[in-house]
Amino acid sequence: MMNKQRAGKHAANKTTWEEEEKKGKFGTIPQLLFACSNPEMNMLKIHVKDSLERFKIISKAYQKLSKEDRKIYMANSKKNKLRKTVKICK
């Protein structure tokens, strides 16, 4: 039972990540915004075809950033979420 739950969770995460990747710098995941602003991470789209594997690599690099550096991406993520909410309300 636990394996089915994990598989479902990973599938949902993969779908979310793929949808967010399409949004690029307007995405709402801080790690994605980090990848968009970092040419080395951005090149992973070419070299790593599996989106979940890309997410793992990017997440590891993101975690190595200082808290101060991560705050920038977290703030931009919040701005994008607000932007999304405003568009829905219009």
Protein backbone atom coordinates (compact mmCIF):
# COMPACT_ATOMS: atom_id res chain seq x y z
CA MET A 1 0.00 0.00 0.00
CA MET A 2 2.78 2.41 0.92
CA ASN A 3 4.52 1.91 -2.45
CA LYS A 4 1.34 2.88 -4.34
CA GLN A 5 1.07 6.06 -2.28
CA ARG A 6 4.68 6.94 -2.96
CA ALA A 7 4.31 6.24 -6.67
CA GLY A 8 1.24 8.47 -6.80
CA LYS A 9 3.01 11.24 -4.92
CA HIS A 10 6.00 11.14 -7.27
CA ALA A 11 3.73 11.14 -10.31
CA ALA A 12 1.90 14.21 -9.00
CA ASN A 13 5.20 15.94 -8.27
CA LYS A 14 6.51 15.12 -11.73
CA THR A 15 3.37 16.52 -13.34
CA THR A 16 3.56 19.67 -11.24
CA TRP A 17 7.24 20.14 -12.03
CA GLU A 18 6.65 19.68 -15.77
CA GLU A 19 3.80 22.21 -15.73
CA GLU A 20 5.92 24.68 -13.77
CA GLU A 21 8.88 24.23 -16.11
CA LYS A 22 6.69 25.40 -18.99
CA LYS A 23 6.01 28.63 -17.07
CA GLY A 24 9.74 29.31 -16.70
CA LYS A 25 10.49 32.48 -14.76
CA PHE A 26 6.76 32.83 -14.00
CA GLY A 27 6.68 29.49 -12.17
CA THR A 28 5.85 29.17 -8.49
CA ILE A 29 8.52 26.69 -7.34
CA PRO A 30 11.64 28.40 -5.89
CA GLN A 31 13.97 25.68 -7.20
CA LEU A 32 12.62 26.23 -10.71
CA LEU A 33 13.23 29.97 -10.48
CA PHE A 34 16.79 29.22 -9.35
CA ALA A 35 17.27 26.93 -12.36
CA CYS A 36 15.90 29.58 -14.75
CA SER A 37 18.42 32.13 -13.52
CA ASN A 38 21.37 29.73 -13.58
CA PRO A 39 22.65 28.81 -17.07
CA GLU A 40 24.23 25.56 -15.85
CA MET A 41 20.95 24.39 -14.28
CA ASN A 42 18.95 25.61 -17.28
CA MET A 43 21.06 23.39 -19.57
CA LEU A 44 19.80 20.33 -17.71
CA LYS A 45 16.69 20.42 -19.93
CA ILE A 46 18.93 19.37 -22.80
CA HIS A 47 21.12 16.85 -20.98
CA VAL A 48 18.64 15.24 -18.55
CA LYS A 49 15.43 14.18 -20.26
CA ASP A 50 13.61 12.92 -17.14
CA SER A 51 11.95 15.88 -15.42
CA LEU A 52 11.95 14.24 -11.99
CA GLU A 53 15.67 13.60 -12.24
CA ARG A 54 16.22 17.25 -13.24
CA PHE A 55 14.21 18.32 -10.21
CA LYS A 56 16.42 16.20 -7.92
CA ILE A 57 19.63 17.68 -9.34
CA ILE A 58 18.31 21.23 -9.17
CA SER A 59 17.00 20.72 -5.63
CA LYS A 60 20.39 19.52 -4.42
CA ALA A 61 22.09 22.58 -5.90
CA TYR A 62 19.38 24.86 -4.49
CA GLN A 63 19.87 23.45 -0.99
CA LYS A 64 23.55 24.42 -1.16
CA LEU A 65 22.59 28.09 -1.49
CA SER A 66 22.69 30.27 1.59
CA LYS A 67 19.39 31.11 3.27
CA GLU A 68 19.78 34.67 2.04
CA ASP A 69 20.15 33.55 -1.57
CA ARG A 70 17.16 31.20 -1.28
CA LYS A 71 15.02 34.05 0.09
CA ILE A 72 15.23 35.78 -3.29
CA TYR A 73 13.74 32.79 -5.11
CA MET A 74 11.14 32.23 -2.41
CA ALA A 75 10.05 35.87 -2.66
CA ASN A 76 9.80 35.65 -6.45
CA SER A 77 7.80 32.45 -6.09
CA LYS A 78 5.32 34.23 -3.82
CA LYS A 79 5.06 37.13 -6.29
CA ASN A 80 4.27 34.70 -9.09
CA LYS A 81 1.63 32.97 -6.97
CA LEU A 82 0.01 36.35 -6.30
CA ARG A 83 0.16 37.19 -10.00
CA LYS A 84 -1.59 33.91 -10.78
CA THR A 85 -4.30 34.67 -8.21
CA VAL A 86 -4.88 38.16 -9.59
CA LYS A 87 -5.27 36.81 -13.15
CA ILE A 88 -7.85 34.25 -11.96
CA CYS A 89 -9.85 36.96 -10.20
CA LYS A 90 -10.02 39.25 -13.25
